[in-house]
Amino acid sequence: MRIGGIQRFSSIDFPGHLAAVVFTVGCNLRCPFCHNAELVTGSIDAMAEGDVLEFLSGRRRQLEGVVISGGEPTLQRDLPNFIEKVRRLGFRVKLDTNGTRPDILEDLMGRGVLDFIAMDVKHEWSRYAEASGLEGVEVEAIRRSADLVIGGEVDYEFRTTVIRDFHDARDIVAISQQISGAKSYVVQEFIPEKTLDASFSRKLPFEKSSLRGIIPEVLRNVQRFEIRQ
């Protein structure tokens, strides 16, 4: 596992659980609004897996879960083995993913080693190349991952980071239609700080009031809708 960092404590990243967040190095997308550029490009010193597991071992009384985020964790060849090691320490595991590798996701779900999945849905399918920064993005693979998550037995949520002038309220309704039948859909606030595309650091967070009016429409497609800071 190429691990680029660890957040030692979080009360918000794993719903219902106190957790540490492990960040993997490398991503197969180049989303212009991404604020983890060093992880995406690999321009960061990796941490030793043993050091991460040693830290987690010493926090078994304080923490309940481990979030594996990125970058994109499913690119890591030894991700299943790392998850098994984390579970043997007694932790629940949450996976953050962009959904581009449905075969890996399906394998992990089949192994029964995941307790929660958070999958990003970055925009409408027709605008995914723009949102992902990758002209050749395989939208069908992401759609397959969404279907796997909705039809599976692992708890989950779908997430969209909403940026003013890049998304609007109608986009959110359209995205909810793309994941129709989903249990939970969350839109989260864009933080205008260091971004992969520097021009996005000057964009503004969305206004919550602009989304409240679409809540009834979104709830026709998904069971739960949250506007999260």
C-alpha atoms as a PDB file:
ATOM      1  CA  MET A   1       0.000   0.000   0.000  1.00  0.00           C
ATOM      2  CA  ARG A   2       1.235   3.453  -0.901  1.00  0.00           C
ATOM      3  CA  ILE A   3      -0.002   5.603   1.960  1.00  0.00           C
ATOM      4  CA  GLY A   4       0.478   9.341   1.747  1.00  0.00           C
ATOM      5  CA  GLY A   5      -0.865  10.371   5.134  1.00  0.00           C
ATOM      6  CA  ILE A   6      -3.184   9.682   8.009  1.00  0.00           C
ATOM      7  CA  GLN A   7      -5.710  11.826   9.825  1.00  0.00           C
ATOM      8  CA  ARG A   8      -5.474  10.540  13.344  1.00  0.00           C
ATOM      9  CA  PHE A   9      -9.009  11.353  14.453  1.00  0.00           C
ATOM     10  CA  SER A  10     -12.278  12.222  12.745  1.00  0.00           C
ATOM     11  CA  SER A  11     -15.834  12.370  14.036  1.00  0.00           C
ATOM     12  CA  ILE A  12     -17.386  13.185  10.637  1.00  0.00           C
ATOM     13  CA  ASP A  13     -15.801  10.958   7.970  1.00  0.00           C
ATOM     14  CA  PHE A  14     -17.357   7.646   9.027  1.00  0.00           C
ATOM     15  CA  PRO A  15     -21.067   8.104   9.862  1.00  0.00           C
ATOM     16  CA  GLY A  16     -21.758   7.004  13.411  1.00  0.00           C
ATOM     17  CA  HIS A  17     -18.157   6.145  14.262  1.00  0.00           C
ATOM     18  CA  LEU A  18     -14.985   7.791  15.515  1.00  0.00           C
ATOM     19  CA  ALA A  19     -12.316   6.978  12.975  1.00  0.00           C
ATOM     20  CA  ALA A  20      -8.878   7.536  11.552  1.00  0.00           C
ATOM     21  CA  VAL A  21      -8.542   8.358   7.860  1.00  0.00           C
ATOM     22  CA  VAL A  22      -5.816   6.706   5.782  1.00  0.00           C
ATOM     23  CA  PHE A  23      -4.998   8.457   2.488  1.00  0.00           C
ATOM     24  CA  THR A  24      -3.614   6.399  -0.389  1.00  0.00           C
ATOM     25  CA  VAL A  25      -1.337   7.780  -3.098  1.00  0.00           C
ATOM     26  CA  GLY A  26      -2.389   7.977  -6.747  1.00  0.00           C
ATOM     27  CA  CYS A  27      -5.599   8.614  -8.654  1.00  0.00           C
ATOM     28  CA  ASN A  28      -6.820   7.779 -12.150  1.00  0.00           C
ATOM     29  CA  LEU A  29      -8.847  11.006 -12.433  1.00  0.00           C
ATOM     30  CA  ARG A  30      -7.748  14.636 -12.537  1.00  0.00           C
ATOM     31  CA  CYS A  31     -10.743  16.480 -11.135  1.00  0.00           C
ATOM     32  CA  PRO A  32      -9.917  20.185 -11.414  1.00  0.00           C
ATOM     33  CA  PHE A  33     -11.435  20.996  -8.005  1.00  0.00           C
ATOM     34  CA  CYS A  34      -9.512  18.283  -6.133  1.00  0.00           C
ATOM     35  CA  HIS A  35      -7.650  19.641  -3.098  1.00  0.00           C
ATOM     36  CA  ASN A  36      -5.429  16.559  -2.631  1.00  0.00           C
ATOM     37  CA  ALA A  37      -3.065  17.303  -5.510  1.00  0.00           C
ATOM     38  CA  GLU A  38      -0.035  15.703  -3.854  1.00  0.00           C
ATOM     39  CA  LEU A  39      -1.917  12.447  -3.380  1.00  0.00           C
ATOM     40  CA  VAL A  40      -3.319  12.511  -6.913  1.00  0.00           C
ATOM     41  CA  THR A  41       0.002  13.126  -8.629  1.00  0.00           C
ATOM     42  CA  GLY A  42       2.090  11.030  -6.251  1.00  0.00           C
ATOM     43  CA  SER A  43       4.359  13.949  -5.351  1.00  0.00           C
ATOM     44  CA  ILE A  44       4.387  13.061  -1.669  1.00  0.00           C
ATOM     45  CA  ASP A  45       6.542  10.835   0.490  1.00  0.00           C
ATOM     46  CA  ALA A  46       4.805   7.572   1.282  1.00  0.00           C
ATOM     47  CA  MET A  47       4.399   6.332   4.826  1.00  0.00           C
ATOM     48  CA  ALA A  48       5.377   2.805   5.776  1.00  0.00           C
ATOM     49  CA  GLU A  49       2.338   0.544   6.040  1.00  0.00           C
ATOM     50  CA  GLY A  50       3.764  -0.958   9.221  1.00  0.00           C
ATOM     51  CA  ASP A  51       3.897   2.449  10.893  1.00  0.00           C
ATOM     52  CA  VAL A  52       0.240   3.074  10.018  1.00  0.00           C
ATOM     53  CA  LEU A  53      -0.839  -0.307  11.387  1.00  0.00           C
ATOM     54  CA  GLU A  54       1.218   0.266  14.534  1.00  0.00           C
ATOM     55  CA  PHE A  55      -0.531   3.597  15.092  1.00  0.00           C
ATOM     56  CA  LEU A  56      -3.944   1.985  14.585  1.00  0.00           C
ATOM     57  CA  SER A  57      -3.085  -0.848  16.944  1.00  0.00           C
ATOM     58  CA  GLY A  58      -2.424   1.690  19.673  1.00  0.00           C
ATOM     59  CA  ARG A  59      -5.774   3.424  19.096  1.00  0.00           C
ATOM     60  CA  ARG A  60      -8.111   0.452  19.375  1.00  0.00           C
ATOM     61  CA  ARG A  61      -9.698   1.800  22.551  1.00  0.00           C
ATOM     62  CA  GLN A  62     -10.201   5.317  21.187  1.00  0.00           C
ATOM     63  CA  LEU A  63     -11.336   4.616  17.624  1.00  0.00           C
ATOM     64  CA  GLU A  64     -14.028   2.404  16.095  1.00  0.00           C
ATOM     65  CA  GLY A  65     -13.303   2.656  12.394  1.00  0.00           C
ATOM     66  CA  VAL A  66     -10.806   3.351   9.654  1.00  0.00           C
ATOM     67  CA  VAL A  67     -11.642   5.290   6.497  1.00  0.00           C
ATOM     68  CA  ILE A  68      -9.542   4.417   3.457  1.00  0.00           C
ATOM     69  CA  SER A  69      -9.546   7.411   1.157  1.00  0.00           C
ATOM     70  CA  GLY A  70      -7.279   8.977  -1.427  1.00  0.00           C
ATOM     71  CA  GLY A  71      -6.396   9.558  -4.135  1.00  0.00           C
ATOM     72  CA  GLU A  72      -8.271   6.473  -5.283  1.00  0.00           C
ATOM     73  CA  PRO A  73      -7.781   3.456  -2.977  1.00  0.00           C
ATOM     74  CA  THR A  74      -8.935   0.834  -5.500  1.00  0.00           C
ATOM     75  CA  LEU A  75      -5.763   1.466  -7.517  1.00  0.00           C
ATOM     76  CA  GLN A  76      -3.743  -0.127  -4.723  1.00  0.00           C
ATOM     77  CA  ARG A  77      -2.927  -3.711  -5.612  1.00  0.00           C
ATOM     78  CA  ASP A  78      -2.707  -4.835  -1.991  1.00  0.00           C
ATOM     79  CA  LEU A  79      -5.821  -2.983  -0.790  1.00  0.00           C
ATOM     80  CA  PRO A  80      -7.665  -6.222   0.136  1.00  0.00           C
ATOM     81  CA  ASN A  81      -4.752  -7.387   2.284  1.00  0.00           C
ATOM     82  CA  PHE A  82      -4.502  -4.028   4.020  1.00  0.00           C
ATOM     83  CA  ILE A  83      -8.223  -4.047   4.776  1.00  0.00           C
ATOM     84  CA  GLU A  84      -7.924  -7.547   6.253  1.00  0.00           C
ATOM     85  CA  LYS A  85      -5.107  -6.342   8.529  1.00  0.00           C
ATOM     86  CA  VAL A  86      -7.178  -3.384   9.675  1.00  0.00           C
ATOM     87  CA  ARG A  87     -10.169  -5.601  10.371  1.00  0.00           C
ATOM     88  CA  ARG A  88      -8.019  -8.014  12.370  1.00  0.00           C
ATOM     89  CA  LEU A  89      -7.239  -5.079  14.658  1.00  0.00           C
ATOM     90  CA  GLY A  90     -10.973  -4.866  15.346  1.00  0.00           C
ATOM     91  CA  PHE A  91     -11.869  -1.822  13.243  1.00  0.00           C
ATOM     92  CA  ARG A  92     -14.808  -1.262  10.959  1.00  0.00           C
ATOM     93  CA  VAL A  93     -13.768  -0.137   7.466  1.00  0.00           C
ATOM     94  CA  LYS A  94     -15.191   2.589   5.245  1.00  0.00           C
ATOM     95  CA  LEU A  95     -14.023   2.943   1.642  1.00  0.00           C
ATOM     96  CA  ASP A  96     -14.091   6.242  -0.261  1.00  0.00           C
ATOM     97  CA  THR A  97     -14.065   5.664  -4.024  1.00  0.00           C
ATOM     98  CA  ASN A  98     -14.645   7.402  -7.342  1.00  0.00           C
ATOM     99  CA  GLY A  99     -16.297   4.247  -8.695  1.00  0.00           C
ATOM    100  CA  THR A 100     -13.988   3.814 -11.681  1.00  0.00           C
ATOM    101  CA  ARG A 101     -13.026   0.236 -10.791  1.00  0.00           C
ATOM    102  CA  PRO A 102     -16.242  -1.739 -10.354  1.00  0.00           C
ATOM    103  CA  ASP A 103     -14.475  -5.123 -10.488  1.00  0.00           C
ATOM    104  CA  ILE A 104     -12.392  -4.221  -7.429  1.00  0.00           C
ATOM    105  CA  LEU A 105     -15.427  -2.822  -5.658  1.00  0.00           C
ATOM    106  CA  GLU A 106     -17.448  -5.925  -6.407  1.00  0.00           C
ATOM    107  CA  ASP A 107     -14.644  -8.150  -5.108  1.00  0.00           C
ATOM    108  CA  LEU A 108     -14.370  -6.235  -1.834  1.00  0.00           C
ATOM    109  CA  MET A 109     -18.129  -6.269  -1.350  1.00  0.00           C
ATOM    110  CA  GLY A 110     -18.179  -9.993  -2.027  1.00  0.00           C
ATOM    111  CA  ARG A 111     -15.479 -10.603   0.564  1.00  0.00           C
ATOM    112  CA  GLY A 112     -17.642  -8.911   3.208  1.00  0.00           C
ATOM    113  CA  VAL A 113     -14.771  -6.702   4.415  1.00  0.00           C
ATOM    114  CA  LEU A 114     -16.440  -3.301   3.994  1.00  0.00           C
ATOM    115  CA  ASP A 115     -18.824  -1.716   6.487  1.00  0.00           C
ATOM    116  CA  PHE A 116     -19.532   1.479   4.547  1.00  0.00           C
ATOM    117  CA  ILE A 117     -18.919   2.858   1.049  1.00  0.00           C
ATOM    118  CA  ALA A 118     -18.883   6.528   0.073  1.00  0.00           C
ATOM    119  CA  MET A 119     -18.935   6.900  -3.699  1.00  0.00           C
ATOM    120  CA  ASP A 120     -18.458  10.193  -5.474  1.00  0.00           C
ATOM    121  CA  VAL A 121     -20.782  11.148  -8.316  1.00  0.00           C
ATOM    122  CA  LYS A 122     -19.118  14.253  -9.638  1.00  0.00           C
ATOM    123  CA  HIS A 123     -21.628  15.521 -12.193  1.00  0.00           C
ATOM    124  CA  GLU A 124     -24.183  14.466 -14.765  1.00  0.00           C
ATOM    125  CA  TRP A 125     -22.895  11.609 -16.917  1.00  0.00           C
ATOM    126  CA  SER A 126     -22.793  13.906 -19.959  1.00  0.00           C
ATOM    127  CA  ARG A 127     -20.365  16.237 -18.162  1.00  0.00           C
ATOM    128  CA  TYR A 128     -18.157  13.639 -16.534  1.00  0.00           C
ATOM    129  CA  ALA A 129     -15.131  14.303 -18.731  1.00  0.00           C
ATOM    130  CA  GLU A 130     -15.201  17.938 -17.658  1.00  0.00           C
ATOM    131  CA  ALA A 131     -15.756  17.121 -13.995  1.00  0.00           C
ATOM    132  CA  SER A 132     -13.109  14.384 -13.872  1.00  0.00           C
ATOM    133  CA  GLY A 133     -10.514  16.235 -15.918  1.00  0.00           C
ATOM    134  CA  LEU A 134     -10.153  13.176 -18.127  1.00  0.00           C
ATOM    135  CA  GLU A 135     -11.543  13.036 -21.647  1.00  0.00           C
ATOM    136  CA  GLY A 136     -11.463   9.248 -21.773  1.00  0.00           C
ATOM    137  CA  VAL A 137     -13.184   8.608 -18.442  1.00  0.00           C
ATOM    138  CA  GLU A 138     -15.193   5.368 -18.552  1.00  0.00           C
ATOM    139  CA  VAL A 139     -18.620   6.527 -17.457  1.00  0.00           C
ATOM    140  CA  GLU A 140     -20.099   3.066 -17.914  1.00  0.00           C
ATOM    141  CA  ALA A 141     -17.703   1.699 -15.296  1.00  0.00           C
ATOM    142  CA  ILE A 142     -18.834   4.360 -12.834  1.00  0.00           C
ATOM    143  CA  ARG A 143     -22.476   3.624 -13.596  1.00  0.00           C
ATOM    144  CA  ARG A 144     -21.826  -0.053 -12.941  1.00  0.00           C
ATOM    145  CA  SER A 145     -20.254   0.779  -9.588  1.00  0.00           C
ATOM    146  CA  ALA A 146     -23.294   2.862  -8.660  1.00  0.00           C
ATOM    147  CA  ASP A 147     -25.565  -0.071  -9.504  1.00  0.00           C
ATOM    148  CA  LEU A 148     -23.398  -2.413  -7.414  1.00  0.00           C
ATOM    149  CA  VAL A 149     -23.536  -0.096  -4.417  1.00  0.00           C
ATOM    150  CA  ILE A 150     -27.299   0.430  -4.647  1.00  0.00           C
ATOM    151  CA  GLY A 151     -27.964  -3.280  -5.086  1.00  0.00           C
ATOM    152  CA  GLY A 152     -25.486  -4.478  -2.465  1.00  0.00           C
ATOM    153  CA  GLU A 153     -25.706  -5.145   1.243  1.00  0.00           C
ATOM    154  CA  VAL A 154     -23.002  -2.707   2.406  1.00  0.00           C
ATOM    155  CA  ASP A 155     -24.189   0.564   3.939  1.00  0.00           C
ATOM    156  CA  TYR A 156     -23.382   3.553   1.727  1.00  0.00           C
ATOM    157  CA  GLU A 157     -23.848   7.097   0.569  1.00  0.00           C
ATOM    158  CA  PHE A 158     -23.297   8.888  -2.728  1.00  0.00           C
ATOM    159  CA  ARG A 159     -21.627  12.289  -2.616  1.00  0.00           C
ATOM    160  CA  THR A 160     -21.262  15.331  -4.850  1.00  0.00           C
ATOM    161  CA  THR A 161     -18.992  18.265  -4.073  1.00  0.00           C
ATOM    162  CA  VAL A 162     -21.013  21.230  -5.318  1.00  0.00           C
ATOM    163  CA  ILE A 163     -19.248  24.275  -6.764  1.00  0.00           C
ATOM    164  CA  ARG A 164     -21.000  27.483  -7.707  1.00  0.00           C
ATOM    165  CA  ASP A 165     -20.881  28.159 -11.476  1.00  0.00           C
ATOM    166  CA  PHE A 166     -19.863  24.529 -12.072  1.00  0.00           C
ATOM    167  CA  HIS A 167     -23.031  22.916 -10.699  1.00  0.00           C
ATOM    168  CA  ASP A 168     -26.499  24.312 -10.299  1.00  0.00           C
ATOM    169  CA  ALA A 169     -29.663  23.068  -8.641  1.00  0.00           C
ATOM    170  CA  ARG A 170     -30.886  21.326 -11.813  1.00  0.00           C
ATOM    171  CA  ASP A 171     -27.624  19.360 -11.984  1.00  0.00           C
ATOM    172  CA  ILE A 172     -28.251  18.003  -8.499  1.00  0.00           C
ATOM    173  CA  VAL A 173     -31.722  16.841  -9.494  1.00  0.00           C
ATOM    174  CA  ALA A 174     -30.238  15.170 -12.581  1.00  0.00           C
ATOM    175  CA  ILE A 175     -27.565  13.434 -10.514  1.00  0.00           C
ATOM    176  CA  SER A 176     -30.207  12.127  -8.117  1.00  0.00           C
ATOM    177  CA  GLN A 177     -31.995  10.641 -11.135  1.00  0.00           C
ATOM    178  CA  GLN A 178     -28.751   8.907 -12.152  1.00  0.00           C
ATOM    179  CA  ILE A 179     -28.667   7.131  -8.784  1.00  0.00           C
ATOM    180  CA  SER A 180     -32.416   6.605  -8.570  1.00  0.00           C
ATOM    181  CA  GLY A 181     -33.320   4.248  -5.742  1.00  0.00           C
ATOM    182  CA  ALA A 182     -30.252   5.104  -3.670  1.00  0.00           C
ATOM    183  CA  LYS A 183     -30.602   5.103   0.086  1.00  0.00           C
ATOM    184  CA  SER A 184     -28.543   8.239   0.721  1.00  0.00           C
ATOM    185  CA  TYR A 185     -27.293  11.165  -1.360  1.00  0.00           C
ATOM    186  CA  VAL A 186     -25.152  13.923   0.132  1.00  0.00           C
ATOM    187  CA  VAL A 187     -24.047  17.187  -1.405  1.00  0.00           C
ATOM    188  CA  GLN A 188     -21.058  18.698   0.328  1.00  0.00           C
ATOM    189  CA  GLU A 189     -19.536  22.130   0.333  1.00  0.00           C
ATOM    190  CA  PHE A 190     -16.612  22.944  -1.906  1.00  0.00           C
ATOM    191  CA  ILE A 191     -13.725  24.518  -0.006  1.00  0.00           C
ATOM    192  CA  PRO A 192     -11.930  27.084  -2.189  1.00  0.00           C
ATOM    193  CA  GLU A 193      -8.357  26.400  -1.212  1.00  0.00           C
ATOM    194  CA  LYS A 194      -5.468  24.732  -3.030  1.00  0.00           C
ATOM    195  CA  THR A 195      -6.895  22.829  -6.015  1.00  0.00           C
ATOM    196  CA  LEU A 196      -5.456  20.729  -8.821  1.00  0.00           C
ATOM    197  CA  ASP A 197      -6.593  23.391 -11.303  1.00  0.00           C
ATOM    198  CA  ALA A 198      -5.580  26.693  -9.710  1.00  0.00           C
ATOM    199  CA  SER A 199      -8.519  28.521 -11.306  1.00  0.00           C
ATOM    200  CA  PHE A 200     -10.917  26.512  -9.132  1.00  0.00           C
ATOM    201  CA  SER A 201      -9.353  27.928  -5.980  1.00  0.00           C
ATOM    202  CA  ARG A 202     -11.079  31.204  -6.895  1.00  0.00           C
ATOM    203  CA  LYS A 203     -14.523  29.648  -7.254  1.00  0.00           C
ATOM    204  CA  LEU A 204     -17.092  30.000  -4.494  1.00  0.00           C
ATOM    205  CA  PRO A 205     -18.931  27.456  -2.360  1.00  0.00           C
ATOM    206  CA  PHE A 206     -22.566  26.890  -3.203  1.00  0.00           C
ATOM    207  CA  GLU A 207     -25.307  28.741  -1.361  1.00  0.00           C
ATOM    208  CA  LYS A 208     -27.390  26.311   0.659  1.00  0.00           C
ATOM    209  CA  SER A 209     -30.512  28.349   0.017  1.00  0.00           C
ATOM    210  CA  SER A 210     -30.149  27.676  -3.710  1.00  0.00           C
ATOM    211  CA  LEU A 211     -30.546  23.944  -3.116  1.00  0.00           C
ATOM    212  CA  ARG A 212     -33.291  23.843  -0.512  1.00  0.00           C
ATOM    213  CA  GLY A 213     -35.975  24.362  -3.123  1.00  0.00           C
ATOM    214  CA  ILE A 214     -35.055  21.142  -4.947  1.00  0.00           C
ATOM    215  CA  ILE A 215     -35.259  18.870  -1.904  1.00  0.00           C
ATOM    216  CA  PRO A 216     -38.736  17.497  -2.795  1.00  0.00           C
ATOM    217  CA  GLU A 217     -37.594  16.708  -6.348  1.00  0.00           C
ATOM    218  CA  VAL A 218     -34.440  14.963  -5.181  1.00  0.00           C
ATOM    219  CA  LEU A 219     -36.389  12.929  -2.633  1.00  0.00           C
ATOM    220  CA  ARG A 220     -38.487  11.490  -5.435  1.00  0.00           C
ATOM    221  CA  ASN A 221     -35.333   9.706  -6.581  1.00  0.00           C
ATOM    222  CA  VAL A 222     -33.431   8.912  -3.374  1.00  0.00           C
ATOM    223  CA  GLN A 223     -34.527   7.964   0.107  1.00  0.00           C
ATOM    224  CA  ARG A 224     -32.409  10.480   1.990  1.00  0.00           C
ATOM    225  CA  PHE A 225     -30.872  13.794   0.919  1.00  0.00           C
ATOM    226  CA  GLU A 226     -28.411  15.811   2.996  1.00  0.00           C
ATOM    227  CA  ILE A 227     -26.825  19.188   2.367  1.00  0.00           C
ATOM    228  CA  ARG A 228     -23.570  18.952   4.287  1.00  0.00           C
ATOM    229  CA  GLN A 229     -20.951  21.576   5.090  1.00  0.00           C
END
